[in-house]
């Protein structure tokens, strides 16, 4: 896997995305930009997916990352709401298609997989349970955005 100096991390939801653009190194990440965005509630599924595609294209064009990391749900996360899980998978598929169309290297995986790429003493789940992540104060970000930050950091170059 190639390491990057600017990456984008994505944590999809059934109706939108959480994204973070990170620069620097895995040991010293710098949050460049971020957002949590949902498609308009009045949109049907096809319109939501088109909206996600256009939004991801805009973010990639604006911030010019060289790599993308997409956080997949854990295998046990399907839960009772299978329709929501399927909708999230479709959003992730659109995100992957956009990345490929822009020739970005993409790394995907669950938090367990992402942990292997982070380096350091802690797993991704352990970092998410703390008050900060490598100098970034978590109190300013919701969990899904924190996950986008962690996965983006996992593909940065080493210091």
N, C-alpha and C. Protein backbone atom coordinates (compact mmCIF):
# COMPACT_ATOMS: atom_id res chain seq x y z
N UNK A 1 0.84 -1.17 0.00
CA UNK A 1 0.00 0.00 0.00
C UNK A 1 0.89 1.24 0.00
N UNK A 2 0.60 2.15 -0.89
CA UNK A 2 1.30 3.43 -0.95
C UNK A 2 0.80 4.32 0.18
N UNK A 3 1.71 5.06 0.78
CA UNK A 3 1.33 6.02 1.83
C UNK A 3 1.20 7.40 1.22
N UNK A 4 0.33 8.21 1.77
CA UNK A 4 -0.03 9.50 1.19
C UNK A 4 0.29 10.64 2.12
N UNK A 5 0.42 11.86 1.56
CA UNK A 5 0.62 13.04 2.39
C UNK A 5 -0.67 13.84 2.57
N UNK A 6 -1.70 13.51 1.77
CA UNK A 6 -3.04 14.07 1.97
C UNK A 6 -4.04 12.98 1.62
N UNK A 7 -4.89 12.66 2.55
CA UNK A 7 -5.85 11.59 2.32
C UNK A 7 -7.24 12.03 2.76
N UNK A 8 -8.22 11.30 2.26
CA UNK A 8 -9.59 11.54 2.67
C UNK A 8 -10.13 10.24 3.27
N UNK A 9 -10.79 10.37 4.40
CA UNK A 9 -11.43 9.24 5.06
C UNK A 9 -12.93 9.40 4.96
N UNK A 10 -13.61 8.28 4.71
CA UNK A 10 -15.07 8.31 4.56
C UNK A 10 -15.70 7.32 5.52
N UNK A 11 -16.72 7.78 6.21
CA UNK A 11 -17.58 6.92 7.02
C UNK A 11 -18.99 7.17 6.50
N UNK A 12 -19.50 6.21 5.72
CA UNK A 12 -20.80 6.37 5.07
C UNK A 12 -21.94 6.10 6.05
N UNK A 13 -23.08 6.66 5.71
CA UNK A 13 -24.34 6.38 6.38
C UNK A 13 -25.36 6.08 5.30
N UNK A 14 -26.53 5.65 5.68
CA UNK A 14 -27.56 5.27 4.71
C UNK A 14 -27.97 6.44 3.81
N UNK A 15 -27.84 7.66 4.31
CA UNK A 15 -28.30 8.81 3.55
C UNK A 15 -27.27 9.92 3.42
N UNK A 16 -26.01 9.60 3.66
CA UNK A 16 -25.00 10.64 3.56
C UNK A 16 -23.61 10.14 3.88
N UNK A 17 -22.72 11.09 4.13
CA UNK A 17 -21.31 10.76 4.38
C UNK A 17 -20.75 11.64 5.49
N UNK A 18 -19.76 11.10 6.14
CA UNK A 18 -18.90 11.82 7.06
C UNK A 18 -17.52 11.74 6.42
N UNK A 19 -16.84 12.86 6.28
CA UNK A 19 -15.56 12.85 5.58
C UNK A 19 -14.56 13.73 6.30
N UNK A 20 -13.29 13.38 6.14
CA UNK A 20 -12.21 14.16 6.72
C UNK A 20 -11.01 14.12 5.77
N UNK A 21 -10.44 15.28 5.52
CA UNK A 21 -9.20 15.38 4.75
C UNK A 21 -8.08 15.63 5.75
N UNK A 22 -7.10 14.74 5.72
CA UNK A 22 -6.00 14.77 6.68
C UNK A 22 -4.69 14.93 5.93
N UNK A 23 -3.80 15.75 6.48
CA UNK A 23 -2.46 15.94 5.92
C UNK A 23 -1.45 15.54 6.98
N UNK A 24 -0.19 15.47 6.56
CA UNK A 24 0.88 15.21 7.50
C UNK A 24 1.28 13.75 7.50
N UNK A 25 1.47 13.23 8.69
CA UNK A 25 1.90 11.84 8.84
C UNK A 25 0.97 11.10 9.78
N UNK A 26 1.10 9.77 9.80
CA UNK A 26 0.26 8.99 10.72
C UNK A 26 0.50 9.39 12.16
N UNK A 27 1.74 9.72 12.50
CA UNK A 27 2.08 10.06 13.88
C UNK A 27 1.64 11.47 14.25
N UNK A 28 1.56 12.36 13.25
CA UNK A 28 1.23 13.76 13.51
C UNK A 28 0.23 14.26 12.46
N UNK A 29 -1.01 13.74 12.51
CA UNK A 29 -2.00 14.14 11.51
C UNK A 29 -2.51 15.56 11.74
N UNK A 30 -2.82 16.23 10.63
CA UNK A 30 -3.38 17.58 10.68
C UNK A 30 -4.71 17.54 9.94
N UNK A 31 -5.77 17.89 10.65
CA UNK A 31 -7.10 17.91 10.05
C UNK A 31 -7.20 19.15 9.16
N UNK A 32 -7.34 18.92 7.87
CA UNK A 32 -7.37 20.02 6.90
C UNK A 32 -8.81 20.50 6.66
N UNK A 33 -9.74 19.55 6.55
CA UNK A 33 -11.15 19.88 6.32
C UNK A 33 -12.00 18.67 6.71
N UNK A 34 -13.27 18.92 6.99
CA UNK A 34 -14.15 17.81 7.37
C UNK A 34 -15.60 18.23 7.20
N UNK A 35 -16.47 17.23 7.21
CA UNK A 35 -17.89 17.51 7.13
C UNK A 35 -18.73 16.28 7.38
N UNK A 36 -19.95 16.49 7.80
CA UNK A 36 -20.96 15.45 7.94
C UNK A 36 -22.17 15.95 7.17
N UNK A 37 -22.50 15.24 6.11
CA UNK A 37 -23.52 15.74 5.21
C UNK A 37 -24.54 14.67 4.87
N UNK A 38 -25.78 15.09 4.79
CA UNK A 38 -26.87 14.18 4.44
C UNK A 38 -27.60 14.71 3.22
N UNK A 39 -28.01 13.77 2.37
CA UNK A 39 -28.81 14.15 1.21
C UNK A 39 -30.15 14.70 1.70
N UNK A 40 -30.78 15.57 0.93
CA UNK A 40 -32.10 16.09 1.33
C UNK A 40 -33.09 14.96 1.59
N UNK A 41 -33.88 15.08 2.64
CA UNK A 41 -34.82 14.04 3.05
C UNK A 41 -35.87 13.73 1.98
N UNK A 42 -36.18 14.69 1.14
CA UNK A 42 -37.20 14.47 0.10
C UNK A 42 -36.70 13.62 -1.07
N UNK A 43 -35.38 13.38 -1.13
CA UNK A 43 -34.82 12.61 -2.24
C UNK A 43 -35.15 11.13 -2.12
N UNK A 44 -35.42 10.49 -3.26
CA UNK A 44 -35.56 9.04 -3.26
C UNK A 44 -34.16 8.42 -3.29
N UNK A 45 -34.09 7.11 -3.28
CA UNK A 45 -32.78 6.46 -3.18
C UNK A 45 -31.84 6.82 -4.33
N UNK A 46 -32.32 6.79 -5.54
CA UNK A 46 -31.47 7.12 -6.69
C UNK A 46 -30.97 8.56 -6.60
N UNK A 47 -31.83 9.47 -6.21
CA UNK A 47 -31.43 10.86 -6.07
C UNK A 47 -30.39 11.03 -4.95
N UNK A 48 -30.56 10.29 -3.84
CA UNK A 48 -29.58 10.34 -2.74
C UNK A 48 -28.21 9.87 -3.22
N UNK A 49 -28.19 8.77 -3.96
CA UNK A 49 -26.91 8.24 -4.44
C UNK A 49 -26.25 9.20 -5.42
N UNK A 50 -27.03 9.82 -6.28
CA UNK A 50 -26.49 10.81 -7.20
C UNK A 50 -25.95 12.01 -6.42
N UNK A 51 -26.68 12.44 -5.40
CA UNK A 51 -26.23 13.54 -4.56
C UNK A 51 -24.90 13.21 -3.90
N UNK A 52 -24.77 11.99 -3.34
CA UNK A 52 -23.52 11.55 -2.71
C UNK A 52 -22.39 11.59 -3.73
N UNK A 53 -22.64 11.09 -4.93
CA UNK A 53 -21.62 11.07 -5.97
C UNK A 53 -21.14 12.48 -6.28
N UNK A 54 -22.05 13.39 -6.48
CA UNK A 54 -21.67 14.77 -6.80
C UNK A 54 -20.91 15.42 -5.64
N UNK A 55 -21.33 15.14 -4.43
CA UNK A 55 -20.67 15.72 -3.25
C UNK A 55 -19.25 15.20 -3.11
N UNK A 56 -19.05 13.89 -3.28
CA UNK A 56 -17.70 13.31 -3.19
C UNK A 56 -16.81 13.88 -4.30
N UNK A 57 -17.35 13.97 -5.52
CA UNK A 57 -16.57 14.57 -6.62
C UNK A 57 -16.12 15.98 -6.27
N UNK A 58 -17.04 16.76 -5.71
CA UNK A 58 -16.71 18.14 -5.32
C UNK A 58 -15.59 18.17 -4.27
N UNK A 59 -15.69 17.33 -3.26
CA UNK A 59 -14.69 17.29 -2.18
C UNK A 59 -13.32 16.89 -2.74
N UNK A 60 -13.29 15.87 -3.58
CA UNK A 60 -12.02 15.42 -4.16
C UNK A 60 -11.41 16.53 -5.03
N UNK A 61 -12.23 17.18 -5.83
CA UNK A 61 -11.74 18.26 -6.69
C UNK A 61 -11.22 19.43 -5.84
N UNK A 62 -11.92 19.76 -4.78
CA UNK A 62 -11.53 20.89 -3.95
C UNK A 62 -10.25 20.63 -3.16
N UNK A 63 -10.11 19.43 -2.57
CA UNK A 63 -9.01 19.18 -1.63
C UNK A 63 -7.88 18.33 -2.20
N UNK A 64 -8.07 17.72 -3.36
CA UNK A 64 -7.05 16.96 -4.07
C UNK A 64 -6.28 15.95 -3.21
N UNK A 65 -7.00 15.05 -2.55
CA UNK A 65 -6.29 13.99 -1.83
C UNK A 65 -5.64 13.03 -2.83
N UNK A 66 -4.61 12.34 -2.37
CA UNK A 66 -3.97 11.34 -3.24
C UNK A 66 -4.43 9.92 -2.90
N UNK A 67 -5.13 9.77 -1.79
CA UNK A 67 -5.65 8.46 -1.40
C UNK A 67 -6.93 8.60 -0.61
N UNK A 68 -7.69 7.50 -0.58
CA UNK A 68 -8.96 7.48 0.16
C UNK A 68 -9.03 6.21 0.99
N UNK A 69 -9.56 6.35 2.19
CA UNK A 69 -9.83 5.20 3.05
C UNK A 69 -11.31 5.22 3.40
N UNK A 70 -11.95 4.06 3.27
CA UNK A 70 -13.39 3.95 3.52
C UNK A 70 -13.58 2.94 4.65
N UNK A 71 -14.27 3.37 5.68
CA UNK A 71 -14.53 2.51 6.84
C UNK A 71 -15.77 1.67 6.56
N UNK A 72 -15.59 0.37 6.57
CA UNK A 72 -16.70 -0.56 6.41
C UNK A 72 -17.23 -0.93 7.80
N UNK A 73 -18.51 -1.33 7.88
CA UNK A 73 -19.03 -1.78 9.17
C UNK A 73 -18.43 -3.12 9.55
N UNK A 74 -18.40 -3.38 10.83
CA UNK A 74 -17.95 -4.68 11.30
C UNK A 74 -18.93 -5.73 10.79
N UNK A 75 -18.47 -6.94 10.64
CA UNK A 75 -19.31 -8.01 10.10
C UNK A 75 -20.53 -8.29 10.97
N UNK A 76 -20.47 -7.95 12.21
CA UNK A 76 -21.59 -8.20 13.13
C UNK A 76 -22.54 -7.02 13.21
N UNK A 77 -22.33 -5.98 12.40
CA UNK A 77 -23.08 -4.74 12.55
C UNK A 77 -24.37 -4.67 11.74
N UNK A 78 -24.77 -5.73 11.08
CA UNK A 78 -26.01 -5.66 10.30
C UNK A 78 -27.21 -5.36 11.19
N UNK A 79 -27.26 -5.98 12.34
CA UNK A 79 -28.31 -5.67 13.31
C UNK A 79 -29.72 -5.88 12.77
N UNK A 80 -30.67 -5.27 13.44
CA UNK A 80 -32.08 -5.47 13.09
C UNK A 80 -32.49 -4.66 11.86
N UNK A 81 -31.82 -3.55 11.60
CA UNK A 81 -32.22 -2.69 10.50
C UNK A 81 -31.40 -3.00 9.24
N UNK A 82 -31.75 -4.09 8.59
CA UNK A 82 -31.01 -4.52 7.40
C UNK A 82 -31.18 -3.56 6.24
N UNK A 83 -32.33 -2.89 6.14
CA UNK A 83 -32.53 -1.92 5.06
C UNK A 83 -31.53 -0.77 5.17
N UNK A 84 -31.30 -0.29 6.38
CA UNK A 84 -30.33 0.78 6.59
C UNK A 84 -28.92 0.30 6.26
N UNK A 85 -28.58 -0.92 6.65
CA UNK A 85 -27.26 -1.48 6.35
C UNK A 85 -27.07 -1.61 4.84
N UNK A 86 -28.08 -2.04 4.14
CA UNK A 86 -27.99 -2.16 2.68
C UNK A 86 -27.84 -0.78 2.03
N UNK A 87 -28.58 0.20 2.53
CA UNK A 87 -28.48 1.55 1.99
C UNK A 87 -27.07 2.11 2.21
N UNK A 88 -26.49 1.84 3.37
CA UNK A 88 -25.12 2.28 3.65
C UNK A 88 -24.15 1.62 2.67
N UNK A 89 -24.34 0.35 2.41
CA UNK A 89 -23.47 -0.36 1.45
C UNK A 89 -23.56 0.27 0.07
N UNK A 90 -24.75 0.68 -0.34
CA UNK A 90 -24.90 1.33 -1.65
C UNK A 90 -24.15 2.67 -1.67
N UNK A 91 -24.23 3.42 -0.59
CA UNK A 91 -23.49 4.69 -0.51
C UNK A 91 -21.98 4.40 -0.61
N UNK A 92 -21.51 3.38 0.11
CA UNK A 92 -20.09 3.02 0.04
C UNK A 92 -19.70 2.64 -1.38
N UNK A 93 -20.57 1.95 -2.09
CA UNK A 93 -20.29 1.60 -3.48
C UNK A 93 -20.14 2.82 -4.37
N UNK A 94 -20.99 3.81 -4.18
CA UNK A 94 -20.89 5.05 -4.95
C UNK A 94 -19.57 5.76 -4.62
N UNK A 95 -19.20 5.79 -3.36
CA UNK A 95 -17.94 6.42 -2.94
C UNK A 95 -16.77 5.73 -3.63
N UNK A 96 -16.77 4.40 -3.65
CA UNK A 96 -15.68 3.66 -4.28
C UNK A 96 -15.61 3.92 -5.78
N UNK A 97 -16.77 4.01 -6.42
CA UNK A 97 -16.80 4.29 -7.86
C UNK A 97 -16.22 5.65 -8.15
N UNK A 98 -16.56 6.65 -7.37
CA UNK A 98 -16.03 8.00 -7.58
C UNK A 98 -14.51 7.99 -7.39
N UNK A 99 -14.02 7.34 -6.36
CA UNK A 99 -12.58 7.27 -6.13
C UNK A 99 -11.86 6.64 -7.31
N UNK A 100 -12.41 5.55 -7.83
CA UNK A 100 -11.81 4.89 -8.98
C UNK A 100 -11.83 5.80 -10.21
N UNK A 101 -12.93 6.54 -10.40
CA UNK A 101 -13.03 7.42 -11.56
C UNK A 101 -12.01 8.57 -11.48
N UNK A 102 -11.55 8.89 -10.27
CA UNK A 102 -10.55 9.95 -10.08
C UNK A 102 -9.14 9.37 -9.88
N UNK A 103 -9.00 8.07 -10.11
CA UNK A 103 -7.70 7.38 -10.00
C UNK A 103 -7.07 7.49 -8.62
N UNK A 104 -7.89 7.50 -7.59
CA UNK A 104 -7.37 7.51 -6.22
C UNK A 104 -7.12 6.08 -5.77
N UNK A 105 -6.03 5.87 -5.07
CA UNK A 105 -5.84 4.58 -4.41
C UNK A 105 -6.83 4.53 -3.25
N UNK A 106 -7.50 3.39 -3.11
CA UNK A 106 -8.51 3.25 -2.07
C UNK A 106 -8.15 2.08 -1.16
N UNK A 107 -8.23 2.33 0.13
CA UNK A 107 -8.07 1.28 1.15
C UNK A 107 -9.40 1.19 1.86
N UNK A 108 -9.91 -0.01 2.02
CA UNK A 108 -11.18 -0.22 2.70
C UNK A 108 -11.00 -1.21 3.83
N UNK A 109 -11.92 -1.18 4.76
CA UNK A 109 -11.89 -2.18 5.81
C UNK A 109 -12.68 -1.78 7.04
N UNK A 110 -12.82 -2.76 7.89
CA UNK A 110 -13.45 -2.54 9.19
C UNK A 110 -12.44 -1.84 10.10
N UNK A 111 -12.87 -1.44 11.28
CA UNK A 111 -11.93 -0.81 12.21
C UNK A 111 -10.78 -1.74 12.56
N UNK A 112 -11.03 -3.04 12.62
CA UNK A 112 -9.94 -3.98 12.90
C UNK A 112 -8.87 -3.92 11.82
N UNK A 113 -9.29 -3.86 10.56
CA UNK A 113 -8.35 -3.76 9.45
C UNK A 113 -7.62 -2.43 9.48
N UNK A 114 -8.36 -1.36 9.72
CA UNK A 114 -7.76 -0.02 9.77
C UNK A 114 -6.71 0.05 10.88
N UNK A 115 -6.95 -0.60 11.99
CA UNK A 115 -6.01 -0.60 13.12
C UNK A 115 -4.63 -1.07 12.70
N UNK A 116 -4.58 -2.06 11.82
CA UNK A 116 -3.29 -2.61 11.37
C UNK A 116 -2.48 -1.57 10.61
N UNK A 117 -3.16 -0.65 9.94
CA UNK A 117 -2.46 0.38 9.17
C UNK A 117 -2.09 1.61 9.99
N UNK A 118 -2.69 1.76 11.19
CA UNK A 118 -2.45 2.96 11.99
C UNK A 118 -1.07 3.00 12.63
N UNK A 119 -0.56 1.83 12.97
CA UNK A 119 0.67 1.81 13.75
C UNK A 119 0.37 2.28 15.16
N UNK A 120 1.35 2.26 16.00
CA UNK A 120 1.14 2.72 17.37
C UNK A 120 0.69 1.59 18.29
N UNK A 121 0.43 1.96 19.53
CA UNK A 121 0.11 0.98 20.57
C UNK A 121 -1.37 0.66 20.66
N UNK A 122 -2.24 1.49 20.10
CA UNK A 122 -3.67 1.34 20.31
C UNK A 122 -4.39 0.93 19.03
N UNK A 123 -5.53 0.28 19.21
CA UNK A 123 -6.39 -0.04 18.07
C UNK A 123 -7.25 1.18 17.74
N UNK A 124 -7.87 1.16 16.58
CA UNK A 124 -8.77 2.25 16.19
C UNK A 124 -9.88 2.41 17.23
N UNK A 125 -10.45 1.30 17.69
CA UNK A 125 -11.52 1.37 18.69
C UNK A 125 -11.02 2.01 19.99
N UNK A 126 -9.80 1.71 20.38
CA UNK A 126 -9.25 2.32 21.60
C UNK A 126 -9.06 3.82 21.41
N UNK A 127 -8.58 4.23 20.23
CA UNK A 127 -8.44 5.67 19.97
C UNK A 127 -9.79 6.37 20.02
N UNK A 128 -10.83 5.73 19.50
CA UNK A 128 -12.16 6.34 19.49
C UNK A 128 -12.75 6.46 20.89
N UNK A 129 -12.24 5.69 21.83
CA UNK A 129 -12.74 5.72 23.21
C UNK A 129 -11.98 6.72 24.08
N UNK A 130 -10.97 7.39 23.53
CA UNK A 130 -10.19 8.35 24.31
C UNK A 130 -10.69 9.77 24.05
N UNK A 131 -10.06 10.74 24.72
CA UNK A 131 -10.45 12.15 24.58
C UNK A 131 -9.81 12.84 23.39
N UNK A 132 -8.74 12.25 22.86
CA UNK A 132 -8.09 12.86 21.71
C UNK A 132 -7.45 11.77 20.86
N UNK A 133 -7.06 12.16 19.68
CA UNK A 133 -6.39 11.25 18.76
C UNK A 133 -5.17 11.96 18.20
N UNK A 134 -4.01 11.58 18.70
CA UNK A 134 -2.73 12.09 18.19
C UNK A 134 -2.73 13.62 18.07
N UNK A 135 -3.23 14.26 19.13
CA UNK A 135 -3.24 15.71 19.19
C UNK A 135 -4.53 16.38 18.75
N UNK A 136 -5.47 15.60 18.20
CA UNK A 136 -6.77 16.17 17.80
C UNK A 136 -7.77 15.95 18.94
N UNK A 137 -8.37 17.03 19.41
CA UNK A 137 -9.34 16.98 20.51
C UNK A 137 -10.66 16.40 19.98
N UNK A 138 -11.03 15.22 20.47
CA UNK A 138 -12.24 14.54 20.00
C UNK A 138 -13.53 15.23 20.40
N UNK A 139 -13.50 16.09 21.40
CA UNK A 139 -14.75 16.68 21.90
C UNK A 139 -15.45 17.52 20.82
N UNK A 140 -14.75 17.91 19.79
CA UNK A 140 -15.33 18.73 18.73
C UNK A 140 -16.02 17.91 17.63
N UNK A 141 -15.92 16.59 17.68
CA UNK A 141 -16.37 15.76 16.56
C UNK A 141 -17.24 14.60 17.03
N UNK A 142 -18.31 14.32 16.29
CA UNK A 142 -19.15 13.17 16.58
C UNK A 142 -18.44 11.89 16.16
N UNK A 143 -18.91 10.76 16.68
CA UNK A 143 -18.25 9.47 16.47
C UNK A 143 -18.02 9.14 15.00
N UNK A 144 -19.02 9.32 14.14
CA UNK A 144 -18.85 8.96 12.74
C UNK A 144 -17.79 9.82 12.05
N UNK A 145 -17.68 11.08 12.46
CA UNK A 145 -16.63 11.93 11.93
C UNK A 145 -15.27 11.52 12.49
N UNK A 146 -15.23 11.14 13.75
CA UNK A 146 -13.99 10.63 14.34
C UNK A 146 -13.50 9.42 13.55
N UNK A 147 -14.43 8.53 13.17
CA UNK A 147 -14.05 7.36 12.40
C UNK A 147 -13.46 7.76 11.05
N UNK A 148 -14.03 8.77 10.40
CA UNK A 148 -13.48 9.25 9.12
C UNK A 148 -12.06 9.79 9.30
N UNK A 149 -11.82 10.47 10.40
CA UNK A 149 -10.49 11.01 10.70
C UNK A 149 -9.50 9.87 10.90
N UNK A 150 -9.88 8.87 11.69
CA UNK A 150 -8.98 7.74 11.96
C UNK A 150 -8.65 6.99 10.68
N UNK A 151 -9.65 6.71 9.84
CA UNK A 151 -9.36 5.93 8.64
C UNK A 151 -8.51 6.75 7.66
N UNK A 152 -8.72 8.06 7.57
CA UNK A 152 -7.88 8.88 6.70
C UNK A 152 -6.43 8.87 7.19
N UNK A 153 -6.25 8.93 8.50
CA UNK A 153 -4.91 8.92 9.07
C UNK A 153 -4.19 7.61 8.80
N UNK A 154 -4.94 6.52 8.72
CA UNK A 154 -4.32 5.20 8.56
C UNK A 154 -3.56 5.03 7.27
N UNK A 155 -3.82 5.88 6.26
CA UNK A 155 -3.08 5.72 5.00
C UNK A 155 -2.08 6.85 4.76
N UNK A 156 -1.86 7.68 5.77
CA UNK A 156 -0.83 8.71 5.66
C UNK A 156 0.55 8.07 5.73
N UNK A 157 1.53 8.80 5.24
CA UNK A 157 2.91 8.33 5.32
C UNK A 157 3.40 8.36 6.75
N UNK A 158 4.45 7.59 7.01
CA UNK A 158 5.09 7.63 8.33
C UNK A 158 5.94 8.87 8.42
N UNK A 159 6.19 9.31 9.64
CA UNK A 159 6.97 10.52 9.87
C UNK A 159 8.39 10.33 9.46
